[in-house]
Amino acid sequence: MRKPRYNINIENFLPHRYPMLMECTTPYLDANSVETHFKITQNSIFTDRKGRFTEPGLIETAAQACSAITGQDFFEDDDLAGEGNKVVGYISAIKKLEINFLPVIGDILITKASLISRFDTGEMTMCTIKSSTFRGNDLVINCTFNFLIHEV
């Protein structure tokens, strides 16, 4: 069982790069759950002309947080810089999606996700993960995703 990690930079473990990469902090990550914090900035490609963070941005923020749960298993415990990053992940299905409102530039989003199920084939991991994203105490979005993750 993987030990919990605190205050890591999951950006090192994701294949995304600017402008798709959500620059977030990760106060907690263990084998079955994650918490990330993301501040919406003006330079995000996911903000609209009214300064709202759009639906695709909310989904992508949640998906990137979720992928850290199973994606971390493709790295050694001491590889906190993500130097062994050869992972590709795909959203194979969005099973559930409920968006309550669109947050705005300057808001901090807190995403909490947990693993529901996982199947490892040796070459690929298939999993289902649920997540909830909040602005303060207000629920912004609830999602359940299916992912495929593999090394390249």
Protein backbone atom coordinates (compact mmCIF):
# COMPACT_ATOMS: atom_id res chain seq x y z
CA MET A 1 0.00 0.00 0.00
CA ARG A 2 1.38 3.39 -1.01
CA LYS A 3 2.05 5.84 1.81
CA PRO A 4 0.20 9.18 1.73
CA ARG A 5 2.03 12.06 0.07
CA TYR A 6 1.68 15.66 1.18
CA ASN A 7 2.14 18.90 -0.76
CA ILE A 8 3.40 17.36 -3.98
CA ASN A 9 3.40 18.88 -7.43
CA ILE A 10 1.21 16.56 -9.52
CA GLU A 11 1.99 18.66 -12.59
CA ASN A 12 5.19 16.61 -12.81
CA PHE A 13 3.15 13.43 -13.18
CA LEU A 14 0.71 14.61 -15.87
CA PRO A 15 1.39 14.61 -19.62
CA HIS A 16 -0.36 17.98 -19.99
CA ARG A 17 1.53 21.19 -20.69
CA TYR A 18 0.50 24.82 -20.96
CA PRO A 19 -2.17 25.84 -21.79
CA MET A 20 -3.98 22.60 -20.87
CA LEU A 21 -2.15 21.97 -17.61
CA MET A 22 -4.04 23.18 -14.54
CA GLU A 23 -1.42 24.63 -12.20
CA CYS A 24 -2.61 23.30 -8.88
CA THR A 25 -1.27 22.38 -5.48
CA THR A 26 -1.85 18.94 -4.03
CA PRO A 27 -2.00 18.98 -0.24
CA TYR A 28 -2.89 15.27 -0.07
CA LEU A 29 -2.57 12.16 -2.22
CA ASP A 30 -2.81 8.52 -1.18
CA ALA A 31 -3.55 5.23 -2.94
CA ASN A 32 -7.30 5.89 -3.08
CA SER A 33 -7.86 9.65 -2.83
CA VAL A 34 -6.54 13.09 -3.69
CA GLU A 35 -7.19 16.72 -2.87
CA THR A 36 -6.07 19.53 -5.18
CA HIS A 37 -6.35 23.32 -5.02
CA PHE A 38 -6.54 25.34 -8.24
CA LYS A 39 -6.79 29.13 -8.58
CA ILE A 40 -8.59 30.34 -11.69
CA THR A 41 -6.41 32.90 -13.45
CA GLN A 42 -7.13 35.37 -16.20
CA ASN A 43 -4.77 33.63 -18.64
CA SER A 44 -6.69 30.32 -18.52
CA ILE A 45 -7.97 29.18 -21.91
CA PHE A 46 -11.08 27.95 -20.10
CA THR A 47 -12.42 31.37 -19.04
CA ASP A 48 -15.07 33.15 -21.07
CA ARG A 49 -15.45 36.86 -21.84
CA LYS A 50 -17.42 37.38 -18.65
CA GLY A 51 -14.58 35.97 -16.52
CA ARG A 52 -16.34 32.67 -15.79
CA PHE A 53 -14.53 29.35 -15.75
CA THR A 54 -16.34 27.24 -18.35
CA GLU A 55 -17.71 23.72 -18.22
CA PRO A 56 -14.77 22.14 -20.14
CA GLY A 57 -12.38 23.76 -17.66
CA LEU A 58 -14.28 22.34 -14.70
CA ILE A 59 -14.24 18.87 -16.24
CA GLU A 60 -10.53 19.08 -17.10
CA THR A 61 -9.61 20.31 -13.62
CA ALA A 62 -11.47 17.40 -12.03
CA ALA A 63 -10.00 14.88 -14.49
CA GLN A 64 -6.41 16.02 -13.88
CA ALA A 65 -6.91 15.72 -10.12
CA CYS A 66 -8.46 12.25 -10.49
CA SER A 67 -5.69 10.93 -12.70
CA ALA A 68 -3.15 11.46 -9.92
CA ILE A 69 -4.66 8.62 -7.88
CA THR A 70 -3.81 5.80 -10.27
CA GLY A 71 -1.19 7.65 -12.30
CA GLN A 72 1.13 7.84 -9.30
CA ASP A 73 1.59 4.07 -9.41
CA PHE A 74 3.56 4.40 -12.64
CA PHE A 75 6.32 6.23 -10.71
CA GLU A 76 8.79 5.25 -8.03
CA ASP A 77 8.02 6.48 -4.48
CA ASP A 78 11.05 8.76 -4.44
CA ASP A 79 10.37 10.26 -7.92
CA LEU A 80 8.66 13.41 -6.63
CA ALA A 81 9.91 15.42 -9.62
CA GLY A 82 8.14 13.15 -12.12
CA GLU A 83 11.35 12.38 -13.98
CA GLY A 84 10.00 8.98 -15.00
CA ASN A 85 6.95 10.54 -16.68
CA LYS A 86 5.98 8.25 -19.53
CA VAL A 87 2.27 8.05 -18.73
CA VAL A 88 -0.68 8.77 -20.97
CA GLY A 89 -4.24 8.87 -19.68
CA TYR A 90 -7.59 9.09 -21.37
CA ILE A 91 -11.08 9.81 -20.14
CA SER A 92 -12.91 6.82 -21.59
CA ALA A 93 -16.29 7.91 -20.22
CA ILE A 94 -17.93 10.61 -18.18
CA LYS A 95 -20.46 8.55 -16.26
CA LYS A 96 -21.92 11.38 -14.18
CA LEU A 97 -21.69 15.14 -14.44
CA GLU A 98 -23.53 17.74 -12.38
CA ILE A 99 -22.48 21.40 -12.63
CA ASN A 100 -24.13 23.76 -10.17
CA PHE A 101 -22.56 27.07 -11.25
CA LEU A 102 -19.57 28.56 -13.05
CA PRO A 103 -16.90 30.04 -10.77
CA VAL A 104 -14.99 33.16 -11.82
CA ILE A 105 -11.42 34.40 -12.17
CA GLY A 106 -9.76 34.57 -8.77
CA ASP A 107 -11.80 31.75 -7.24
CA ILE A 108 -9.94 28.84 -5.66
CA LEU A 109 -11.35 25.41 -6.50
CA ILE A 110 -10.81 22.48 -4.16
CA THR A 111 -11.25 19.09 -5.78
CA LYS A 112 -11.59 15.93 -3.70
CA ALA A 113 -11.57 12.63 -5.54
CA SER A 114 -11.68 8.97 -4.57
CA LEU A 115 -11.14 5.70 -6.36
CA ILE A 116 -14.27 3.58 -6.87
CA SER A 117 -12.80 0.65 -8.82
CA ARG A 118 -9.61 -0.35 -10.56
CA PHE A 119 -8.47 -3.09 -12.93
CA ASP A 120 -4.81 -3.54 -13.89
CA THR A 121 -3.90 -5.54 -17.00
CA GLY A 122 -0.13 -5.18 -16.65
CA GLU A 123 0.09 -2.76 -19.56
CA MET A 124 -2.88 -0.59 -18.75
CA THR A 125 -4.98 0.49 -15.79
CA MET A 126 -8.72 0.97 -16.12
CA CYS A 127 -10.44 2.75 -13.26
CA THR A 128 -13.52 4.62 -12.12
CA ILE A 129 -13.05 7.70 -9.96
CA LYS A 130 -15.57 10.10 -8.46
CA SER A 131 -14.81 13.70 -7.62
CA SER A 132 -16.41 16.80 -6.15
CA THR A 133 -15.11 20.32 -6.65
CA PHE A 134 -15.92 23.13 -4.24
CA ARG A 135 -15.49 26.89 -4.04
CA GLY A 136 -15.37 27.33 -0.29
CA ASN A 137 -18.37 25.36 0.97
CA ASP A 138 -20.27 25.64 -2.31
CA LEU A 139 -20.38 22.52 -4.49
CA VAL A 140 -19.40 23.50 -8.04
CA ILE A 141 -19.29 20.13 -9.83
CA ASN A 142 -19.75 16.41 -9.14
CA CYS A 143 -18.23 13.96 -11.63
CA THR A 144 -17.63 10.27 -12.09
CA PHE A 145 -15.08 9.30 -14.73
CA ASN A 146 -13.73 6.13 -16.30
CA PHE A 147 -10.03 6.38 -17.18
CA LEU A 148 -7.51 4.35 -19.16
CA ILE A 149 -3.90 4.96 -18.11
CA HIS A 150 -0.79 3.37 -19.62
CA GLU A 151 2.92 3.88 -20.10
CA VAL A 152 4.30 4.90 -23.47
